Amino acid sequence: MMLLLLVLSAAGCGYRFTADSGTRLPAGQTVWVPFFKNATVYANGSVALKRAIFDQFAEQRGILPAASAEQADLILEGTLTGYGAGVVSYSAANKAREYRLTITADITVRQRGAAKDSAPLWRGTLSAWQDYPVAATIELQRSNEDAALTAASRKLAQQLIWSLEQQY
């Protein structure tokens, strides 16, 4: 009885279940990401994002990288359009304690065999961020920023999967 009441109250609030078995990307498919264009000044950003997309598709949905575009079920193209870091917290001495790295990408997903001028399976702009601490040296600071880039890229890849499943 309590479960029924909980489900009914959640439905009345506008909540809905998403990505059920009918909308989830089926495992066993393959994905091809030929190259992520990079419209930012950070050279490794597009490489980190491409790696995160492959990792998240494999870990979350069992979708593996294809050997070529001709063998892929999903073809993903995109551009890293934003990469920036800014201070988000300060110490009592007014020194930076923490930065926030934000990345943004325009992404298009097509099914195999779809013409370039046809409507894509999904197209949109996604953004993700990750906070990271200030380090004592430049080397450690770069390492912290690289770790934040990896984490933000994984978050963006997760958003891509969820957005794609809403349209699937």
Protein backbone atom coordinates (compact mmCIF):
# COMPACT_ATOMS: atom_id res chain seq x y z
CA MET A 1 0.00 0.00 0.00
CA MET A 2 2.85 2.39 0.89
CA LEU A 3 4.58 1.58 -2.40
CA LEU A 4 1.44 2.43 -4.36
CA LEU A 5 1.09 5.69 -2.45
CA LEU A 6 4.73 6.55 -3.14
CA VAL A 7 4.38 5.84 -6.87
CA LEU A 8 1.19 7.88 -7.13
CA SER A 9 2.67 10.84 -5.25
CA ALA A 10 5.82 10.77 -7.40
CA ALA A 11 3.70 10.71 -10.56
CA GLY A 12 1.74 13.73 -9.34
CA CYS A 13 4.96 15.72 -8.92
CA GLY A 14 5.96 15.36 -12.53
CA TYR A 15 8.56 12.65 -11.95
CA ARG A 16 8.81 9.94 -14.54
CA PHE A 17 10.98 6.93 -15.11
CA THR A 18 13.40 7.17 -18.01
CA ALA A 19 15.72 4.84 -19.89
CA ASP A 20 13.72 1.70 -19.30
CA SER A 21 14.50 -1.44 -21.25
CA GLY A 22 12.63 -0.05 -24.26
CA THR A 23 14.73 3.12 -24.49
CA ARG A 24 18.13 1.90 -23.33
CA LEU A 25 20.83 1.51 -25.91
CA PRO A 26 21.18 -2.25 -26.44
CA ALA A 27 24.46 -3.89 -25.52
CA GLY A 28 26.47 -5.51 -28.26
CA GLN A 29 26.40 -2.49 -30.56
CA THR A 30 29.51 -0.65 -31.66
CA VAL A 31 30.35 3.05 -31.76
CA TRP A 32 32.80 4.93 -33.96
CA VAL A 33 34.26 8.32 -33.06
CA PRO A 34 36.51 9.32 -35.96
CA PHE A 35 37.95 12.47 -34.42
CA PHE A 36 36.76 15.17 -32.08
CA LYS A 37 37.48 18.59 -33.52
CA ASN A 38 38.98 20.99 -31.02
CA ALA A 39 37.95 24.64 -31.11
CA THR A 40 39.80 25.40 -27.86
CA VAL A 41 43.41 26.17 -27.01
CA TYR A 42 43.80 23.06 -24.84
CA ALA A 43 45.29 20.38 -27.10
CA ASN A 44 44.43 17.29 -25.02
CA GLY A 45 40.79 18.17 -24.44
CA SER A 46 39.39 16.41 -27.52
CA VAL A 47 41.50 13.29 -26.87
CA ALA A 48 40.26 13.04 -23.26
CA LEU A 49 36.66 13.46 -24.37
CA LYS A 50 36.92 10.79 -27.08
CA ARG A 51 38.50 8.35 -24.60
CA ALA A 52 35.77 9.08 -22.02
CA ILE A 53 33.02 8.46 -24.59
CA PHE A 54 34.46 5.06 -25.50
CA ASP A 55 34.90 4.19 -21.80
CA GLN A 56 31.40 5.24 -20.74
CA PHE A 57 29.65 3.53 -23.66
CA ALA A 58 31.50 0.29 -22.82
CA GLU A 59 31.09 0.48 -19.03
CA GLN A 60 27.47 1.65 -18.87
CA ARG A 61 25.90 -0.01 -21.90
CA GLY A 62 28.30 -2.67 -23.23
CA ILE A 63 28.76 -0.73 -26.49
CA LEU A 64 32.29 -1.24 -27.75
CA PRO A 65 34.46 0.80 -30.14
CA ALA A 66 34.18 -0.22 -33.78
CA ALA A 67 37.20 -0.92 -35.96
CA SER A 68 35.90 1.45 -38.64
CA ALA A 69 32.91 3.65 -39.50
CA GLU A 70 31.61 0.96 -41.88
CA GLN A 71 31.42 -1.56 -39.01
CA ALA A 72 29.84 0.80 -36.45
CA ASP A 73 26.19 0.85 -35.42
CA LEU A 74 26.51 4.42 -34.10
CA ILE A 75 28.74 7.12 -35.56
CA LEU A 76 29.51 10.04 -33.30
CA GLU A 77 30.98 13.33 -34.52
CA GLY A 78 31.64 16.42 -32.50
CA THR A 79 33.60 19.49 -31.62
CA LEU A 80 35.01 20.48 -28.25
CA THR A 81 33.78 24.08 -28.20
CA GLY A 82 34.61 25.15 -24.68
CA TYR A 83 37.36 24.58 -22.15
CA GLY A 84 37.84 26.88 -19.20
CA ALA A 85 38.88 26.98 -15.58
CA GLY A 86 38.06 29.56 -12.95
CA VAL A 87 38.42 29.97 -9.23
CA VAL A 88 35.42 28.76 -7.20
CA SER A 89 36.70 29.08 -3.64
CA TYR A 90 39.20 31.18 -1.73
CA SER A 91 41.06 30.81 1.58
CA ALA A 92 40.71 33.27 4.45
CA ALA A 93 43.87 34.94 3.10
CA ASN A 94 42.05 35.53 -0.21
CA LYS A 95 44.12 32.94 -2.12
CA ALA A 96 42.56 30.53 -4.57
CA ARG A 97 41.79 27.13 -3.00
CA GLU A 98 39.81 25.43 -5.72
CA TYR A 99 39.22 25.74 -9.46
CA ARG A 100 36.33 24.56 -11.63
CA LEU A 101 37.09 23.14 -15.05
CA THR A 102 34.18 23.33 -17.51
CA ILE A 103 34.05 21.69 -20.93
CA THR A 104 31.42 22.05 -23.64
CA ALA A 105 30.93 20.02 -26.82
CA ASP A 106 28.63 20.01 -29.83
CA ILE A 107 27.85 16.39 -30.69
CA THR A 108 25.97 14.62 -33.48
CA VAL A 109 25.09 10.91 -33.40
CA ARG A 110 24.03 9.05 -36.54
CA GLN A 111 23.11 5.46 -37.20
CA ARG A 112 25.17 3.44 -39.64
CA GLY A 113 24.13 4.03 -43.22
CA ALA A 114 22.41 7.35 -42.53
CA ALA A 115 23.24 10.03 -45.07
CA LYS A 116 25.11 13.11 -43.88
CA ASP A 117 22.21 15.34 -44.89
CA SER A 118 19.56 13.19 -43.14
CA ALA A 119 18.25 13.93 -39.66
CA PRO A 120 20.67 12.60 -37.03
CA LEU A 121 19.68 10.21 -34.27
CA TRP A 122 20.68 12.92 -31.78
CA ARG A 123 22.30 16.36 -31.98
CA GLY A 124 23.01 18.80 -29.20
CA THR A 125 25.39 20.72 -26.99
CA LEU A 126 26.48 19.27 -23.67
CA SER A 127 28.51 20.75 -20.86
CA ALA A 128 30.11 19.29 -17.73
CA TRP A 129 32.37 20.54 -14.96
CA GLN A 130 34.68 19.25 -12.25
CA ASP A 131 36.26 21.08 -9.31
CA TYR A 132 39.90 20.48 -8.42
CA PRO A 133 42.23 21.79 -5.68
CA VAL A 134 45.05 24.29 -6.07
CA ALA A 135 48.44 22.58 -5.83
CA ALA A 136 51.77 23.77 -4.48
CA THR A 137 53.68 23.31 -7.75
CA ILE A 138 52.97 23.80 -11.45
CA GLU A 139 53.44 20.08 -12.11
CA LEU A 140 50.91 19.07 -9.46
CA GLN A 141 48.54 21.78 -10.65
CA ARG A 142 48.69 20.41 -14.21
CA SER A 143 48.12 16.90 -12.85
CA ASN A 144 45.05 18.09 -10.90
CA GLU A 145 43.72 19.84 -13.99
CA ASP A 146 44.25 16.73 -16.14
CA ALA A 147 42.37 14.62 -13.57
CA ALA A 148 39.54 17.17 -13.58
CA LEU A 149 39.44 17.03 -17.40
CA THR A 150 39.11 13.26 -17.26
CA ALA A 151 36.30 13.48 -14.69
CA ALA A 152 34.44 16.23 -16.58
CA SER A 153 34.79 14.28 -19.83
CA ARG A 154 33.26 11.20 -18.19
CA LYS A 155 30.36 13.30 -16.91
CA LEU A 156 29.79 14.72 -20.37
CA ALA A 157 29.86 11.21 -21.86
CA GLN A 158 27.27 10.08 -19.29
CA GLN A 159 25.05 13.02 -20.25
CA LEU A 160 25.42 12.02 -23.89
CA ILE A 161 24.23 8.49 -23.17
CA TRP A 162 21.23 9.74 -21.18
CA SER A 163 20.32 12.33 -23.83
CA LEU A 164 20.70 9.78 -26.62
CA GLU A 165 18.46 7.30 -24.80
CA GLN A 166 15.74 9.91 -24.47
CA GLN A 167 15.61 10.03 -28.29
CA TYR A 168 16.27 6.34 -28.96
